[in-house]
Protein backbone atom coordinates (compact mmCIF):
# COMPACT_ATOMS: atom_id res chain seq x y z
CA MET A 1 -146.26 61.93 -83.75
CA ARG A 2 -145.11 64.01 -80.81
CA LEU A 3 -148.45 65.77 -80.67
CA LEU A 4 -150.35 62.47 -80.71
CA ASN A 5 -148.17 61.08 -77.94
CA ARG A 6 -148.18 64.32 -75.92
CA THR A 7 -151.96 64.61 -75.97
CA GLY A 8 -152.35 60.99 -74.91
CA LYS A 9 -154.00 59.71 -78.09
CA PRO A 10 -153.48 55.97 -77.69
CA LYS A 11 -152.62 53.61 -80.49
CA GLY A 12 -153.59 49.95 -80.30
CA TYR A 13 -152.81 48.29 -76.96
CA GLY A 14 -151.78 51.65 -75.46
CA ASN A 15 -148.57 51.89 -77.49
CA GLY A 16 -147.19 55.26 -78.54
CA TRP A 17 -147.23 56.59 -82.09
CA THR A 18 -144.20 56.12 -84.33
CA GLU A 19 -143.51 57.09 -87.94
CA GLN A 20 -144.78 53.88 -89.57
CA PRO A 21 -148.25 53.80 -87.97
CA VAL A 22 -148.71 57.51 -88.76
CA ARG A 23 -147.82 56.84 -92.42
CA SER A 24 -150.22 53.90 -92.56
CA PHE A 25 -153.02 55.95 -90.96
CA ARG A 26 -152.48 58.81 -93.42
CA LYS A 27 -152.47 56.45 -96.39
CA HIS A 28 -155.58 54.56 -95.23
CA HIS A 29 -157.54 57.80 -94.68
CA ASP A 30 -156.10 59.69 -97.71
CA ILE A 31 -154.58 62.43 -95.52
CA PRO A 32 -151.89 64.39 -97.41
CA VAL A 33 -148.48 64.88 -95.84
CA HIS A 34 -147.44 68.25 -94.41
CA ARG A 35 -145.80 70.69 -96.81
CA ASP A 36 -143.59 73.53 -95.53
CA ASP A 37 -145.42 76.20 -97.53
CA GLU A 38 -148.91 74.94 -96.63
CA TRP A 39 -149.64 77.65 -94.05
CA ALA A 40 -148.40 80.43 -96.35
CA GLU A 41 -150.71 79.23 -99.13
CA ARG A 42 -153.66 79.62 -96.76
CA GLY A 43 -152.45 83.00 -95.45
CA GLU A 44 -151.74 81.63 -91.97
CA ILE A 45 -148.89 82.32 -89.57
CA SER A 46 -147.71 81.00 -86.21
CA LEU A 47 -148.21 82.65 -82.83
CA ASP A 48 -144.55 83.74 -82.83
CA ALA A 49 -144.90 85.34 -86.27
CA ALA A 50 -148.16 87.07 -85.28
CA ALA A 51 -146.53 88.48 -82.15
CA HIS A 52 -143.69 89.82 -84.29
CA VAL A 53 -146.14 91.44 -86.76
CA ILE A 54 -148.11 93.07 -83.94
CA GLY A 55 -144.95 94.12 -82.09
CA VAL A 56 -145.69 92.30 -78.83
CA THR A 57 -144.36 89.26 -77.01
CA LYS A 58 -145.67 85.76 -77.62
CA MET A 59 -147.48 85.78 -74.26
CA THR A 60 -149.17 89.11 -75.04
CA ALA A 61 -150.35 87.72 -78.40
CA LEU A 62 -151.73 84.68 -76.58
CA ARG A 63 -153.55 86.97 -74.14
CA MET A 64 -154.96 88.88 -77.10
CA ILE A 65 -156.35 85.61 -78.49
CA ARG A 66 -157.90 84.71 -75.14
CA ARG A 67 -159.47 88.19 -74.81
CA GLY A 68 -160.83 88.00 -78.35
CA ASP A 69 -158.67 90.86 -79.67
CA LEU A 70 -156.95 88.46 -82.10
CA GLU A 71 -158.53 85.46 -83.76
CA GLY A 72 -156.53 82.24 -83.58
CA ARG A 73 -157.20 78.52 -83.49
CA GLN A 74 -155.63 75.32 -82.26
CA ALA A 75 -156.47 71.91 -83.74
CA CYS A 76 -156.30 70.50 -80.22
CA LYS A 77 -154.68 71.29 -76.90
CA GLY A 78 -150.90 71.33 -77.34
CA ALA A 79 -151.07 71.98 -81.10
CA PRO A 80 -149.53 75.17 -82.46
CA TRP A 81 -151.70 78.28 -82.67
CA VAL A 82 -152.67 79.28 -86.21
CA ILE A 83 -153.51 82.91 -86.97
CA LYS A 84 -154.59 84.45 -90.26
CA ALA A 85 -151.91 86.91 -91.39
CA GLN A 86 -154.56 89.53 -92.19
CA ASP A 87 -155.94 89.26 -88.62
CA ALA A 88 -152.46 89.87 -87.21
CA ALA A 89 -152.01 92.88 -89.49
CA ALA A 90 -155.37 94.28 -88.36
CA ALA A 91 -154.42 93.76 -84.70
CA ALA A 92 -151.11 95.55 -85.36
CA ARG A 93 -152.99 98.58 -86.69
CA LYS A 94 -155.20 98.62 -83.57
CA HIS A 95 -152.36 97.98 -81.11
CA SER A 96 -151.18 101.18 -79.49
CA PRO A 97 -147.55 101.22 -78.38
CA SER A 98 -148.22 104.25 -76.16
CA PRO A 99 -149.10 103.84 -72.48
CA ILE A 100 -152.75 103.19 -71.67
CA THR A 101 -152.81 106.04 -69.14
CA PRO A 102 -150.54 108.78 -70.52
CA ILE A 103 -148.42 110.84 -68.18
CA PRO A 104 -149.23 114.53 -68.87
CA THR A 105 -145.70 115.70 -68.09
CA GLN A 106 -144.08 113.13 -70.40
CA PRO A 107 -142.97 114.74 -73.69
CA ASP A 108 -143.99 113.15 -77.00
CA LEU A 109 -141.18 111.84 -79.17
């Protein structure tokens, strides 16, 4: 409901979305309700979880998506980012925690 209202999707007569109209819409169009384990069944994780897997901040993970280094999708503007867990794991293997331009005098740990 919040997403529908936030993105400006109007209901009849310009009213906002509430629980009852959403339930009616889902029932009329045979749309199943959200289940907590739905993403896990499809092998998907959130942007926060992907950032944690890769070892970067949420903003860095978002930049990686925008650069094309990490594949992610949004149902619409304002919706949560969805990333395949295997894509995040692959990005983690590619991600180098060392500096881009190494300092020759800096010792390796």
